[in-house]
Amino acid sequence: TVTVPKAEVKKPEVKAIQISG
């Protein structure tokens, strides 16, 4: 997902998982 909530922006790990999965 290109667009991520601010909460996820604070967590690079979560963002990476979102993109991966």
PDB file of N, CA and C in Angstrom:
ATOM      1  N   THR A   1       0.841  -1.205   0.000  1.00  0.00           N
ATOM      2  CA  THR A   1       0.000   0.000   0.000  1.00  0.00           C
ATOM      3  C   THR A   1       0.870   1.246   0.000  1.00  0.00           C
ATOM      4  N   VAL A   2       0.576   2.146  -0.923  1.00  0.00           N
ATOM      5  CA  VAL A   2       1.350   3.376  -1.002  1.00  0.00           C
ATOM      6  C   VAL A   2       0.899   4.336   0.092  1.00  0.00           C
ATOM      7  N   THR A   3      -0.400   4.379   0.321  1.00  0.00           N
ATOM      8  CA  THR A   3      -0.942   5.274   1.339  1.00  0.00           C
ATOM      9  C   THR A   3      -1.053   4.541   2.667  1.00  0.00           C
ATOM     10  N   VAL A   4      -0.389   5.089   3.689  1.00  0.00           N
ATOM     11  CA  VAL A   4      -0.422   4.451   5.007  1.00  0.00           C
ATOM     12  C   VAL A   4      -0.798   5.472   6.071  1.00  0.00           C
ATOM     13  N   PRO A   5      -1.562   5.041   7.064  1.00  0.00           N
ATOM     14  CA  PRO A   5      -1.936   5.917   8.183  1.00  0.00           C
ATOM     15  C   PRO A   5      -0.710   6.457   8.902  1.00  0.00           C
ATOM     16  N   LYS A   6      -0.856   7.571   9.572  1.00  0.00           N
ATOM     17  CA  LYS A   6       0.264   8.173  10.298  1.00  0.00           C
ATOM     18  C   LYS A   6       0.815   7.208  11.338  1.00  0.00           C
ATOM     19  N   ALA A   7      -0.049   6.410  11.912  1.00  0.00           N
ATOM     20  CA  ALA A   7       0.372   5.447  12.924  1.00  0.00           C
ATOM     21  C   ALA A   7       1.373   4.457  12.337  1.00  0.00           C
ATOM     22  N   GLU A   8       1.136   4.070  11.077  1.00  0.00           N
ATOM     23  CA  GLU A   8       2.038   3.109  10.436  1.00  0.00           C
ATOM     24  C   GLU A   8       3.302   3.802   9.948  1.00  0.00           C
ATOM     25  N   VAL A   9       3.184   5.071   9.617  1.00  0.00           N
ATOM     26  CA  VAL A   9       4.351   5.831   9.181  1.00  0.00           C
ATOM     27  C   VAL A   9       5.378   5.881  10.305  1.00  0.00           C
ATOM     28  N   LYS A  10       4.888   5.910  11.526  1.00  0.00           N
ATOM     29  CA  LYS A  10       5.782   5.945  12.683  1.00  0.00           C
ATOM     30  C   LYS A  10       6.502   4.613  12.851  1.00  0.00           C
ATOM     31  N   LYS A  11       5.933   3.555  12.259  1.00  0.00           N
ATOM     32  CA  LYS A  11       6.536   2.227  12.390  1.00  0.00           C
ATOM     33  C   LYS A  11       6.996   1.719  11.022  1.00  0.00           C
ATOM     34  N   PRO A  12       8.274   1.925  10.684  1.00  0.00           N
ATOM     35  CA  PRO A  12       8.836   1.463   9.409  1.00  0.00           C
ATOM     36  C   PRO A  12       8.670  -0.039   9.234  1.00  0.00           C
ATOM     37  N   GLU A  13       8.723  -0.777  10.333  1.00  0.00           N
ATOM     38  CA  GLU A  13       8.598  -2.239  10.277  1.00  0.00           C
ATOM     39  C   GLU A  13       7.216  -2.622   9.776  1.00  0.00           C
ATOM     40  N   VAL A  14       6.205  -2.005  10.331  1.00  0.00           N
ATOM     41  CA  VAL A  14       4.825  -2.287   9.945  1.00  0.00           C
ATOM     42  C   VAL A  14       4.626  -1.925   8.478  1.00  0.00           C
ATOM     43  N   LYS A  15       5.173  -0.787   8.077  1.00  0.00           N
ATOM     44  CA  LYS A  15       5.053  -0.333   6.696  1.00  0.00           C
ATOM     45  C   LYS A  15       5.676  -1.351   5.750  1.00  0.00           C
ATOM     46  N   ALA A  16       6.834  -1.871   6.118  1.00  0.00           N
ATOM     47  CA  ALA A  16       7.522  -2.859   5.295  1.00  0.00           C
ATOM     48  C   ALA A  16       6.687  -4.125   5.160  1.00  0.00           C
ATOM     49  N   ILE A  17       6.056  -4.531   6.256  1.00  0.00           N
ATOM     50  CA  ILE A  17       5.221  -5.734   6.247  1.00  0.00           C
ATOM     51  C   ILE A  17       4.000  -5.506   5.356  1.00  0.00           C
ATOM     52  N   GLN A  18       3.432  -4.314   5.421  1.00  0.00           N
ATOM     53  CA  GLN A  18       2.258  -3.971   4.620  1.00  0.00           C
ATOM     54  C   GLN A  18       2.597  -4.097   3.139  1.00  0.00           C
ATOM     55  N   ILE A  19       3.755  -3.577   2.744  1.00  0.00           N
ATOM     56  CA  ILE A  19       4.181  -3.622   1.343  1.00  0.00           C
ATOM     57  C   ILE A  19       4.483  -5.059   0.929  1.00  0.00           C
ATOM     58  N   SER A  20       5.113  -5.801   1.837  1.00  0.00           N
ATOM     59  CA  SER A  20       5.502  -7.174   1.524  1.00  0.00           C
ATOM     60  C   SER A  20       4.284  -8.074   1.390  1.00  0.00           C
ATOM     61  N   GLY A  21       3.317  -7.888   2.297  1.00  0.00           N
ATOM     62  CA  GLY A  21       2.174  -8.779   2.288  1.00  0.00           C
ATOM     63  C   GLY A  21       0.965  -8.112   1.699  1.00  0.00           C
TER      64      GLY A  21
END
